[in-house]
C-alpha cells in the first residue's frame, strides 16, 4: 500500500499533467481563433534552450536519459517570443523523451547557420514510421509506442509546436 504522502504526490503530478493538457488545448484554440499574442523581442536562443530544458528535466530524469547539449558560447539572437520558443523546444524535447527507451540519449544542438538560428534535437528513440509522417504534426496524432510503458499526452504537443512556429 501507498503512504499518504505517496498518494498526495501521485495526485499532485496528475493534476499538474491535466493543467498542462488544458493549457495546451487553450493555446491551440487561441491560435486557431487568431487571438494568440506573440511578445516579440530580441531573444537569445541559448537562454531559450536552457529554459526549455529546465521544464523538461523531470521527464528526462525519470527516464534516466543522457542529455548532450551543444550551445554556442556567444549569444544567438533572434526576434521572437521567448516563452513560445521555449515551449516549442520543450515540447520537442518531451516528445523525444517519451519515445526513447529509458537510459537513451537526447542531443540538443543550437547554432547559427547562414545567419539563421538552428536548433536540432536528436534522440535514440524508436523512430517514426514513414506512414505516420504526414500526420505527425496534426492534432491528437500520436505515434505508435514500440516500447513498454504508457503513452502520455493527447497528441497535442507537436501540433501546438508547429502552430506556434508558423
N, C-alpha and C. Protein backbone atom coordinates (compact mmCIF):
# COMPACT_ATOMS: atom_id res chain seq x y z
N UNK A 1 0.82 -1.19 0.00
CA UNK A 1 0.00 0.00 0.00
C UNK A 1 0.87 1.26 0.00
N UNK A 2 0.29 2.28 -0.54
CA UNK A 2 0.99 3.56 -0.63
C UNK A 2 0.74 4.39 0.62
N UNK A 3 1.74 5.12 0.99
CA UNK A 3 1.58 6.03 2.13
C UNK A 3 0.76 7.24 1.68
N UNK A 4 0.31 7.99 2.66
CA UNK A 4 -0.47 9.19 2.38
C UNK A 4 0.34 10.18 1.54
N UNK A 5 1.61 10.36 1.86
CA UNK A 5 2.48 11.27 1.10
C UNK A 5 2.65 10.80 -0.34
N UNK A 6 2.77 9.49 -0.53
CA UNK A 6 2.91 8.96 -1.89
C UNK A 6 1.64 9.20 -2.71
N UNK A 7 0.50 9.00 -2.09
CA UNK A 7 -0.78 9.24 -2.76
C UNK A 7 -0.91 10.71 -3.13
N UNK A 8 -0.57 11.60 -2.19
CA UNK A 8 -0.62 13.04 -2.48
C UNK A 8 0.33 13.41 -3.61
N UNK A 9 1.50 12.80 -3.63
CA UNK A 9 2.47 13.06 -4.70
C UNK A 9 1.92 12.66 -6.06
N UNK A 10 1.29 11.48 -6.12
CA UNK A 10 0.69 11.00 -7.36
C UNK A 10 -0.42 11.95 -7.80
N UNK A 11 -1.27 12.33 -6.86
CA UNK A 11 -2.37 13.24 -7.18
C UNK A 11 -1.84 14.58 -7.69
N UNK A 12 -0.81 15.08 -7.06
CA UNK A 12 -0.24 16.36 -7.47
C UNK A 12 0.32 16.29 -8.90
N UNK A 13 1.04 15.22 -9.20
CA UNK A 13 1.59 15.05 -10.55
C UNK A 13 0.48 14.92 -11.59
N UNK A 14 -0.58 14.21 -11.26
CA UNK A 14 -1.69 14.03 -12.20
C UNK A 14 -2.43 15.35 -12.44
N UNK A 15 -2.62 16.14 -11.40
CA UNK A 15 -3.27 17.44 -11.55
C UNK A 15 -2.40 18.36 -12.40
N UNK A 16 -1.09 18.37 -12.16
CA UNK A 16 -0.18 19.19 -12.96
C UNK A 16 -0.24 18.77 -14.43
N UNK A 17 -0.31 17.47 -14.67
CA UNK A 17 -0.39 16.95 -16.03
C UNK A 17 -1.69 17.42 -16.69
N UNK A 18 -2.79 17.33 -15.99
CA UNK A 18 -4.07 17.78 -16.53
C UNK A 18 -4.06 19.27 -16.83
N UNK A 19 -3.48 20.06 -15.94
CA UNK A 19 -3.39 21.50 -16.16
C UNK A 19 -2.58 21.80 -17.42
N UNK A 20 -1.47 21.09 -17.62
CA UNK A 20 -0.66 21.29 -18.84
C UNK A 20 -1.46 20.94 -20.09
N UNK A 21 -2.22 19.86 -20.04
CA UNK A 21 -3.03 19.46 -21.19
C UNK A 21 -4.09 20.50 -21.51
N UNK A 22 -4.78 20.99 -20.48
CA UNK A 22 -5.80 22.02 -20.70
C UNK A 22 -5.16 23.30 -21.22
N UNK A 23 -4.02 23.69 -20.67
CA UNK A 23 -3.30 24.87 -21.17
C UNK A 23 -2.95 24.72 -22.64
N UNK A 24 -2.47 23.54 -23.03
CA UNK A 24 -2.13 23.30 -24.43
C UNK A 24 -3.37 23.41 -25.33
N UNK A 25 -4.48 22.83 -24.88
CA UNK A 25 -5.71 22.92 -25.67
C UNK A 25 -6.18 24.36 -25.80
N UNK A 26 -6.07 25.12 -24.73
CA UNK A 26 -6.45 26.54 -24.78
C UNK A 26 -5.55 27.31 -25.74
N UNK A 27 -4.27 26.99 -25.72
CA UNK A 27 -3.31 27.64 -26.60
C UNK A 27 -3.65 27.37 -28.06
N UNK A 28 -3.95 26.13 -28.38
CA UNK A 28 -4.33 25.77 -29.75
C UNK A 28 -5.60 26.51 -30.14
N UNK A 29 -6.54 26.59 -29.24
CA UNK A 29 -7.78 27.31 -29.51
C UNK A 29 -7.50 28.78 -29.81
N UNK A 30 -6.63 29.42 -29.02
CA UNK A 30 -6.28 30.82 -29.26
C UNK A 30 -5.61 31.00 -30.62
N UNK A 31 -4.73 30.07 -30.97
CA UNK A 31 -4.06 30.14 -32.27
C UNK A 31 -5.08 30.01 -33.39
N UNK A 32 -5.96 29.03 -33.29
CA UNK A 32 -6.96 28.79 -34.34
C UNK A 32 -7.91 29.96 -34.51
N UNK A 33 -8.20 30.67 -33.42
CA UNK A 33 -9.09 31.84 -33.49
C UNK A 33 -8.33 33.11 -33.87
N UNK A 34 -6.99 33.02 -33.94
CA UNK A 34 -6.19 34.19 -34.30
C UNK A 34 -6.07 35.21 -33.19
N UNK A 35 -6.21 34.78 -31.95
CA UNK A 35 -6.14 35.72 -30.83
C UNK A 35 -4.89 35.53 -29.96
N UNK A 36 -3.97 34.69 -30.40
CA UNK A 36 -2.74 34.50 -29.65
C UNK A 36 -1.81 35.69 -29.90
N UNK A 37 -1.37 36.32 -28.84
CA UNK A 37 -0.47 37.45 -28.97
C UNK A 37 0.96 37.01 -28.72
N UNK A 38 1.82 37.26 -29.70
CA UNK A 38 3.23 36.98 -29.53
C UNK A 38 3.91 38.24 -29.01
N UNK A 39 4.78 38.08 -28.04
CA UNK A 39 5.54 39.21 -27.49
C UNK A 39 6.94 39.15 -28.06
N UNK A 40 7.07 39.67 -29.26
CA UNK A 40 8.35 39.61 -29.96
C UNK A 40 9.34 40.60 -29.36
N UNK A 41 10.54 40.10 -29.18
CA UNK A 41 11.64 40.91 -28.70
C UNK A 41 12.94 40.22 -29.11
N UNK A 42 14.03 40.87 -28.85
CA UNK A 42 15.33 40.26 -29.14
C UNK A 42 15.58 39.19 -28.07
N UNK A 43 15.76 37.94 -28.51
CA UNK A 43 15.85 36.79 -27.61
C UNK A 43 17.11 36.00 -27.92
N UNK A 44 17.79 35.56 -26.87
CA UNK A 44 18.95 34.69 -27.01
C UNK A 44 18.48 33.24 -27.03
N UNK A 45 18.69 32.55 -28.12
CA UNK A 45 18.26 31.16 -28.26
C UNK A 45 18.91 30.26 -27.21
N UNK A 46 20.12 30.59 -26.79
CA UNK A 46 20.80 29.80 -25.76
C UNK A 46 19.95 29.80 -24.48
N UNK A 47 19.44 30.96 -24.10
CA UNK A 47 18.58 31.04 -22.92
C UNK A 47 17.27 30.30 -23.11
N UNK A 48 16.74 30.35 -24.33
CA UNK A 48 15.50 29.64 -24.65
C UNK A 48 15.70 28.14 -24.44
N UNK A 49 16.80 27.60 -24.95
CA UNK A 49 17.07 26.16 -24.81
C UNK A 49 17.23 25.80 -23.34
N UNK A 50 17.96 26.61 -22.60
CA UNK A 50 18.15 26.32 -21.17
C UNK A 50 16.82 26.33 -20.42
N UNK A 51 15.96 27.30 -20.72
CA UNK A 51 14.65 27.37 -20.08
C UNK A 51 13.82 26.13 -20.42
N UNK A 52 13.84 25.73 -21.68
CA UNK A 52 13.09 24.54 -22.10
C UNK A 52 13.59 23.29 -21.37
N UNK A 53 14.90 23.18 -21.23
CA UNK A 53 15.48 22.00 -20.56
C UNK A 53 15.13 21.97 -19.07
N UNK A 54 15.02 23.13 -18.45
CA UNK A 54 14.58 23.17 -17.05
C UNK A 54 13.19 22.56 -16.91
N UNK A 55 12.30 22.90 -17.83
CA UNK A 55 10.94 22.37 -17.79
C UNK A 55 10.87 20.89 -18.11
N UNK A 56 11.79 20.42 -18.92
CA UNK A 56 11.79 19.00 -19.32
C UNK A 56 12.59 18.12 -18.38
N UNK A 57 13.33 18.71 -17.46
CA UNK A 57 14.23 17.95 -16.58
C UNK A 57 13.55 16.79 -15.84
N UNK A 58 12.34 16.98 -15.27
CA UNK A 58 11.73 15.85 -14.56
C UNK A 58 11.49 14.63 -15.45
N UNK A 59 11.04 14.85 -16.67
CA UNK A 59 10.78 13.75 -17.59
C UNK A 59 12.09 13.07 -18.00
N UNK A 60 13.12 13.86 -18.26
CA UNK A 60 14.42 13.32 -18.64
C UNK A 60 15.04 12.52 -17.50
N UNK A 61 14.93 13.06 -16.30
CA UNK A 61 15.49 12.39 -15.12
C UNK A 61 14.74 11.09 -14.82
N UNK A 62 13.42 11.13 -14.90
CA UNK A 62 12.62 9.95 -14.59
C UNK A 62 12.95 8.79 -15.53
N UNK A 63 13.29 9.09 -16.77
CA UNK A 63 13.61 8.05 -17.75
C UNK A 63 15.11 7.76 -17.80
N UNK A 64 15.87 8.43 -16.95
CA UNK A 64 17.32 8.22 -16.88
C UNK A 64 18.00 8.43 -18.23
N UNK A 65 17.51 9.45 -18.97
CA UNK A 65 18.11 9.76 -20.27
C UNK A 65 19.42 10.52 -20.10
N UNK A 66 20.36 10.25 -21.01
CA UNK A 66 21.59 11.04 -21.08
C UNK A 66 21.29 12.23 -21.98
N UNK A 67 21.69 13.39 -21.53
CA UNK A 67 21.43 14.62 -22.27
C UNK A 67 22.75 15.20 -22.75
N UNK A 68 22.83 15.44 -24.03
CA UNK A 68 24.02 16.05 -24.61
C UNK A 68 23.58 17.39 -25.20
N UNK A 69 24.10 18.48 -24.64
CA UNK A 69 23.70 19.81 -25.06
C UNK A 69 24.91 20.53 -25.64
N UNK A 70 24.76 21.03 -26.85
CA UNK A 70 25.82 21.80 -27.51
C UNK A 70 25.27 23.18 -27.83
N UNK A 71 25.77 24.17 -27.11
CA UNK A 71 25.31 25.55 -27.29
C UNK A 71 26.50 26.44 -27.59
N UNK A 72 26.30 27.48 -28.38
CA UNK A 72 27.40 28.39 -28.65
C UNK A 72 27.75 29.19 -27.39
N UNK A 73 29.01 29.61 -27.29
CA UNK A 73 29.40 30.42 -26.14
C UNK A 73 28.83 31.83 -26.24
N UNK A 74 28.74 32.35 -27.45
CA UNK A 74 28.20 33.69 -27.66
C UNK A 74 26.68 33.61 -27.79
N UNK A 75 25.98 34.68 -27.46
CA UNK A 75 24.52 34.68 -27.63
C UNK A 75 24.15 34.43 -29.09
N UNK A 76 23.01 33.83 -29.28
CA UNK A 76 22.47 33.53 -30.60
C UNK A 76 21.12 34.26 -30.69
N UNK A 77 21.14 35.47 -31.21
CA UNK A 77 19.99 36.36 -31.16
C UNK A 77 18.99 36.10 -32.28
N UNK A 78 17.70 36.15 -31.92
CA UNK A 78 16.60 36.11 -32.87
C UNK A 78 15.53 37.09 -32.40
N UNK A 79 14.62 37.47 -33.29
CA UNK A 79 13.45 38.24 -32.90
C UNK A 79 12.32 37.24 -32.72
N UNK A 80 11.84 37.10 -31.50
CA UNK A 80 10.79 36.13 -31.24
C UNK A 80 10.23 36.27 -29.85
N UNK A 81 9.30 35.40 -29.52
CA UNK A 81 8.66 35.36 -28.21
C UNK A 81 9.37 34.27 -27.40
N UNK A 82 10.12 34.69 -26.39
CA UNK A 82 10.94 33.75 -25.61
C UNK A 82 10.11 32.63 -24.99
N UNK A 83 8.95 32.95 -24.47
CA UNK A 83 8.10 31.94 -23.82
C UNK A 83 7.63 30.90 -24.84
N UNK A 84 7.17 31.38 -26.00
CA UNK A 84 6.67 30.45 -27.03
C UNK A 84 7.80 29.61 -27.62
N UNK A 85 8.97 30.23 -27.83
CA UNK A 85 10.10 29.48 -28.36
C UNK A 85 10.52 28.38 -27.37
N UNK A 86 10.56 28.71 -26.08
CA UNK A 86 10.90 27.70 -25.07
C UNK A 86 9.84 26.60 -25.04
N UNK A 87 8.59 26.97 -25.26
CA UNK A 87 7.50 25.99 -25.30
C UNK A 87 7.69 25.03 -26.47
N UNK A 88 8.08 25.55 -27.62
CA UNK A 88 8.32 24.71 -28.80
C UNK A 88 9.45 23.73 -28.52
N UNK A 89 10.59 24.25 -28.05
CA UNK A 89 11.75 23.39 -27.78
C UNK A 89 11.40 22.37 -26.70
N UNK A 90 10.71 22.81 -25.65
CA UNK A 90 10.32 21.89 -24.57
C UNK A 90 9.41 20.78 -25.07
N UNK A 91 8.45 21.11 -25.93
CA UNK A 91 7.56 20.08 -26.49
C UNK A 91 8.35 19.06 -27.30
N UNK A 92 9.33 19.54 -28.07
CA UNK A 92 10.12 18.62 -28.89
C UNK A 92 11.01 17.73 -28.02
N UNK A 93 11.59 18.30 -26.97
CA UNK A 93 12.42 17.50 -26.05
C UNK A 93 11.55 16.49 -25.32
N UNK A 94 10.38 16.92 -24.85
CA UNK A 94 9.48 15.99 -24.15
C UNK A 94 9.06 14.85 -25.07
N UNK A 95 8.79 15.16 -26.32
CA UNK A 95 8.42 14.12 -27.28
C UNK A 95 9.56 13.13 -27.46
N UNK A 96 10.78 13.65 -27.58
CA UNK A 96 11.95 12.77 -27.71
C UNK A 96 12.08 11.88 -26.48
N UNK A 97 11.85 12.46 -25.30
CA UNK A 97 11.98 11.68 -24.06
C UNK A 97 10.92 10.58 -23.97
N UNK A 98 9.71 10.87 -24.42
CA UNK A 98 8.63 9.89 -24.34
C UNK A 98 8.85 8.70 -25.28
N UNK A 99 9.50 8.95 -26.42
CA UNK A 99 9.66 7.90 -27.41
C UNK A 99 11.07 7.31 -27.44
N UNK A 100 11.81 7.55 -26.37
CA UNK A 100 13.15 6.98 -26.22
C UNK A 100 13.14 6.07 -25.00
N UNK A 101 13.61 4.84 -25.19
CA UNK A 101 13.67 3.91 -24.06
C UNK A 101 14.53 4.50 -22.94
N UNK A 102 14.21 4.09 -21.72
CA UNK A 102 14.97 4.55 -20.56
C UNK A 102 16.46 4.38 -20.75
N UNK A 103 17.22 5.39 -20.35
CA UNK A 103 18.67 5.33 -20.49
C UNK A 103 19.16 5.74 -21.87
N UNK A 104 18.26 6.17 -22.73
CA UNK A 104 18.65 6.59 -24.07
C UNK A 104 19.31 7.97 -24.05
N UNK A 105 19.68 8.43 -25.23
CA UNK A 105 20.35 9.72 -25.33
C UNK A 105 19.51 10.70 -26.13
N UNK A 106 19.47 11.94 -25.64
CA UNK A 106 18.83 13.03 -26.34
C UNK A 106 19.88 14.12 -26.50
N UNK A 107 20.07 14.55 -27.73
CA UNK A 107 21.09 15.57 -28.04
C UNK A 107 20.40 16.83 -28.56
N UNK A 108 20.81 17.95 -28.01
CA UNK A 108 20.28 19.25 -28.43
C UNK A 108 21.45 20.10 -28.87
N UNK A 109 21.30 20.68 -30.04
CA UNK A 109 22.36 21.50 -30.62
C UNK A 109 21.75 22.79 -31.11
N UNK A 110 22.32 23.93 -30.72
CA UNK A 110 21.89 25.23 -31.22
C UNK A 110 23.09 25.90 -31.86
N UNK A 111 22.88 26.47 -33.06
CA UNK A 111 23.99 27.10 -33.77
C UNK A 111 23.45 28.07 -34.81
N UNK A 112 24.34 28.90 -35.30
CA UNK A 112 23.99 29.81 -36.39
C UNK A 112 24.36 29.14 -37.71
N UNK A 113 23.43 29.18 -38.66
CA UNK A 113 23.67 28.63 -40.00
C UNK A 113 23.18 29.66 -41.01
N UNK A 114 24.11 30.21 -41.76
CA UNK A 114 23.78 31.20 -42.79
C UNK A 114 22.91 32.33 -42.25
N UNK A 115 23.23 32.82 -41.07
CA UNK A 115 22.50 33.93 -40.49
C UNK A 115 21.23 33.56 -39.76
N UNK A 116 20.87 32.28 -39.74
CA UNK A 116 19.67 31.82 -39.04
C UNK A 116 20.08 31.03 -37.80
N UNK A 117 19.24 31.05 -36.80
CA UNK A 117 19.44 30.21 -35.62
C UNK A 117 18.79 28.86 -35.90
N UNK A 118 19.54 27.79 -35.67
CA UNK A 118 19.03 26.44 -35.91
C UNK A 118 19.17 25.64 -34.62
N UNK A 119 18.06 25.05 -34.18
CA UNK A 119 18.06 24.19 -33.00
C UNK A 119 17.69 22.79 -33.48
N UNK A 120 18.56 21.81 -33.20
CA UNK A 120 18.32 20.43 -33.60
C UNK A 120 18.17 19.57 -32.36
N UNK A 121 17.24 18.65 -32.41
CA UNK A 121 17.02 17.71 -31.32
C UNK A 121 17.04 16.31 -31.92
N UNK A 122 17.95 15.49 -31.44
CA UNK A 122 18.06 14.10 -31.91
C UNK A 122 17.92 13.18 -30.70
N UNK A 123 17.44 11.98 -30.96
CA UNK A 123 17.31 11.01 -29.87
C UNK A 123 17.59 9.61 -30.38
N UNK A 124 17.73 8.70 -29.44
CA UNK A 124 17.96 7.30 -29.79
C UNK A 124 16.66 6.51 -29.65
N UNK A 125 15.55 7.20 -29.87
CA UNK A 125 14.22 6.59 -29.72
C UNK A 125 13.88 5.63 -30.84
N UNK A 126 12.64 5.21 -30.83
CA UNK A 126 12.16 4.17 -31.73
C UNK A 126 12.02 4.62 -33.18
N UNK A 127 12.06 5.91 -33.41
CA UNK A 127 11.90 6.42 -34.77
C UNK A 127 10.43 6.58 -35.11
N UNK A 128 10.20 7.03 -36.33
CA UNK A 128 8.84 7.30 -36.78
C UNK A 128 8.59 6.51 -38.06
N UNK A 129 7.52 5.76 -38.05
CA UNK A 129 7.13 5.01 -39.23
C UNK A 129 6.84 6.00 -40.36
N UNK A 130 7.34 5.75 -41.54
CA UNK A 130 7.17 6.64 -42.69
C UNK A 130 5.68 6.94 -42.96
N UNK A 131 4.81 5.96 -42.70
CA UNK A 131 3.38 6.15 -42.92
C UNK A 131 2.78 7.18 -41.96
N UNK A 132 3.43 7.37 -40.80
CA UNK A 132 2.92 8.30 -39.79
C UNK A 132 3.39 9.74 -40.01
N UNK A 133 4.39 9.94 -40.85
CA UNK A 133 4.96 11.28 -41.04
C UNK A 133 3.95 12.34 -41.47
N UNK A 134 3.04 12.04 -42.42
CA UNK A 134 2.10 13.09 -42.84
C UNK A 134 1.20 13.60 -41.70
N UNK A 135 0.93 12.77 -40.71
CA UNK A 135 0.05 13.16 -39.61
C UNK A 135 0.81 13.59 -38.36
N UNK A 136 2.13 13.58 -38.42
CA UNK A 136 2.95 13.79 -37.23
C UNK A 136 2.62 15.07 -36.47
N UNK A 137 2.36 16.15 -37.19
CA UNK A 137 2.12 17.44 -36.55
C UNK A 137 0.63 17.81 -36.53
N UNK A 138 -0.24 16.83 -36.70
CA UNK A 138 -1.68 17.07 -36.64
C UNK A 138 -2.18 16.89 -35.21
N UNK A 139 -3.25 17.61 -34.88
CA UNK A 139 -3.83 17.50 -33.54
C UNK A 139 -4.24 16.06 -33.24
N UNK A 140 -3.95 15.64 -32.04
CA UNK A 140 -4.32 14.34 -31.48
C UNK A 140 -3.66 13.16 -32.18
N UNK A 141 -2.63 13.44 -32.97
CA UNK A 141 -1.87 12.37 -33.62
C UNK A 141 -0.78 11.91 -32.67
N UNK A 142 -0.72 10.62 -32.45
CA UNK A 142 0.31 10.05 -31.57
C UNK A 142 0.95 8.89 -32.29
N UNK A 143 2.25 8.87 -32.23
CA UNK A 143 2.97 7.75 -32.84
C UNK A 143 2.74 6.47 -32.07
N UNK A 144 2.97 5.37 -32.74
CA UNK A 144 2.83 4.07 -32.10
C UNK A 144 3.98 3.87 -31.14
N UNK A 145 3.68 3.51 -29.95
CA UNK A 145 4.70 3.29 -28.95
C UNK A 145 5.19 1.86 -29.09
N UNK A 146 6.46 1.69 -29.41
CA UNK A 146 7.00 0.35 -29.61
C UNK A 146 7.74 -0.17 -28.40
N UNK A 147 7.66 0.56 -27.31
CA UNK A 147 8.32 0.09 -26.10
C UNK A 147 7.29 -0.01 -24.99
N UNK A 148 7.67 -0.67 -23.93
CA UNK A 148 6.73 -0.83 -22.83
C UNK A 148 6.52 0.50 -22.13
N UNK A 149 5.41 0.63 -21.46
CA UNK A 149 5.09 1.86 -20.74
C UNK A 149 3.91 2.54 -21.39
N UNK A 150 3.32 3.44 -20.63
CA UNK A 150 2.13 4.10 -21.17
C UNK A 150 2.54 5.29 -22.02
N UNK A 151 1.65 5.71 -22.85
CA UNK A 151 1.89 6.86 -23.72
C UNK A 151 1.18 8.05 -23.11
N UNK A 152 1.94 8.99 -22.61
CA UNK A 152 1.37 10.19 -22.00
C UNK A 152 0.90 11.16 -23.07
N UNK A 153 -0.03 12.00 -22.71
CA UNK A 153 -0.45 13.07 -23.59
C UNK A 153 -1.57 12.68 -24.53
N UNK A 154 -2.05 13.70 -25.20
CA UNK A 154 -3.16 13.51 -26.12
C UNK A 154 -2.77 13.71 -27.58
N UNK A 155 -1.51 13.92 -27.85
CA UNK A 155 -1.08 14.20 -29.21
C UNK A 155 -1.27 15.66 -29.58
N UNK A 156 -1.01 16.54 -28.61
CA UNK A 156 -1.19 17.97 -28.83
C UNK A 156 0.15 18.69 -28.99
N UNK A 157 1.18 18.23 -28.31
CA UNK A 157 2.46 18.93 -28.22
C UNK A 157 3.10 19.29 -29.55
N UNK A 158 3.20 18.33 -30.46
CA UNK A 158 3.83 18.61 -31.75
C UNK A 158 2.96 19.51 -32.62
N UNK A 159 1.65 19.32 -32.56
CA UNK A 159 0.74 20.18 -33.32
C UNK A 159 0.83 21.61 -32.80
N UNK A 160 0.86 21.77 -31.50
CA UNK A 160 0.99 23.09 -30.90
C UNK A 160 2.33 23.72 -31.29
N UNK A 161 3.39 22.95 -31.25
CA UNK A 161 4.71 23.45 -31.63
C UNK A 161 4.71 23.96 -33.07
N UNK A 162 4.10 23.19 -33.94
CA UNK A 162 4.05 23.60 -35.35
C UNK A 162 3.28 24.90 -35.51
N UNK A 163 2.12 25.00 -34.86
CA UNK A 163 1.30 26.21 -34.97
C UNK A 163 2.03 27.42 -34.40
N UNK A 164 2.72 27.23 -33.27
CA UNK A 164 3.48 28.33 -32.69
C UNK A 164 4.62 28.77 -33.60
N UNK A 165 5.28 27.80 -34.21
CA UNK A 165 6.39 28.13 -35.12
C UNK A 165 5.87 28.88 -36.35
N UNK A 166 4.72 28.48 -36.83
CA UNK A 166 4.17 29.15 -38.01
C UNK A 166 3.76 30.56 -37.65
